[in-house]
Protein backbone atom coordinates (compact mmCIF):
# COMPACT_ATOMS: atom_id res chain seq x y z
CA MET A 1 -28.90 -43.50 17.57
CA MET A 2 -25.98 -45.20 16.74
CA SER A 3 -22.47 -43.67 18.31
CA VAL A 4 -19.62 -42.77 15.87
CA ILE A 5 -17.66 -46.00 17.05
CA GLU A 6 -20.92 -48.11 16.05
CA GLN A 7 -21.49 -46.47 12.82
CA THR A 8 -17.73 -47.24 11.74
CA GLN A 9 -17.98 -50.43 12.96
CA ARG A 10 -21.23 -51.04 10.86
CA GLU A 11 -19.63 -49.38 7.69
CA VAL A 12 -16.43 -51.95 8.12
CA MET A 13 -18.24 -54.53 8.50
CA ASP A 14 -20.87 -53.77 5.47
CA TYR A 15 -17.76 -52.74 3.25
CA VAL A 16 -15.81 -56.26 3.83
CA LEU A 17 -19.27 -58.49 3.48
CA LYS A 18 -20.23 -56.61 0.17
CA ASN A 19 -16.46 -56.56 -1.26
CA ARG A 20 -15.54 -60.19 0.19
CA ASN A 21 -12.32 -59.11 0.90
CA ARG A 22 -11.35 -60.74 4.49
CA LYS A 23 -8.15 -61.97 3.68
CA MET A 24 -6.67 -58.66 2.38
CA VAL A 25 -8.10 -56.58 5.09
CA ALA A 26 -6.64 -59.10 7.66
CA SER A 27 -3.30 -58.85 5.82
CA ILE A 28 -2.98 -55.16 5.81
CA SER A 29 -4.19 -54.43 9.26
CA GLY A 30 -2.26 -57.05 10.94
CA LEU A 31 -5.08 -59.12 12.28
CA HIS A 32 -5.79 -62.77 12.09
CA ILE A 33 -7.99 -63.47 9.68
CA ASN A 34 -10.54 -65.36 12.22
CA THR A 35 -10.66 -62.24 14.13
CA VAL A 36 -11.74 -60.45 11.38
CA SER A 37 -14.23 -63.13 10.22
CA ASP A 38 -15.75 -63.13 13.71
CA ILE A 39 -16.34 -59.57 13.96
CA VAL A 40 -17.71 -59.25 10.38
CA SER A 41 -20.06 -62.02 11.16
CA GLY A 42 -21.27 -61.07 14.23
CA ARG A 43 -19.66 -63.72 16.58
CA ARG A 44 -17.92 -61.18 18.43
CA LYS A 45 -20.39 -58.68 19.63
CA GLY A 46 -18.23 -56.14 20.81
CA CYS A 47 -14.96 -54.88 19.09
CA ASN A 48 -11.92 -53.34 20.97
CA ILE A 49 -11.51 -49.87 19.84
CA GLU A 50 -7.96 -50.49 18.84
CA THR A 51 -8.86 -53.38 16.52
CA LEU A 52 -11.44 -51.20 15.02
CA ILE A 53 -9.00 -48.55 14.07
CA LYS A 54 -6.81 -51.21 12.57
CA LEU A 55 -9.78 -52.49 10.42
CA GLU A 56 -10.74 -48.88 9.38
CA ALA A 57 -7.18 -48.09 8.45
CA ALA A 58 -7.03 -51.11 6.29
CA VAL A 59 -10.70 -50.49 4.39
CA ASN A 60 -9.53 -46.77 3.76
CA GLU A 61 -6.13 -48.30 2.44
CA ILE A 62 -7.95 -50.72 0.31
CA LYS A 63 -10.34 -47.83 -1.13
CA GLU A 64 -7.40 -45.74 -1.56
CA LYS A 65 -5.69 -48.19 -3.82
CA GLU A 66 -8.94 -49.15 -5.68
CA ALA A 67 -9.37 -45.17 -6.45
CA LYS A 68 -5.92 -44.93 -7.94
CA ASP A 69 -6.03 -48.08 -9.64
CA SER A 70 -9.18 -47.47 -11.35
CA TRP A 71 -9.65 -45.39 -14.19
CA TYR A 72 -12.74 -44.18 -16.41
CA TYR A 73 -13.59 -42.29 -19.18
CA ARG A 74 -14.66 -38.94 -17.95
CA GLY A 75 -15.67 -37.68 -21.23
CA PRO A 76 -14.28 -34.96 -23.76
CA LYS A 77 -12.76 -32.10 -22.19
C-alpha cells in the first residue's frame, strides 16, 4: 500500500506526463524545468516534501484554470 505522499507524487507525475505541461508546472511552482523533468521521468528517486507541495499546488492551479476556462453544453434546463 502506498503512502499519501507516494500517491500524491504519482498523481502529479501522471498528470504532467499525460498533459505534457512541464514548462507551465515549472513556471507556476517556481521550480527549474530540469527539476520537474527529473522528478516526472524518475531520474530523481526521492522528492523533497516541499518540492512536492509546490508541484501539487501548481497542478491544482492548472486544473482550476482549465475548469474555469472550459465550458460545455449542459443540455436544456
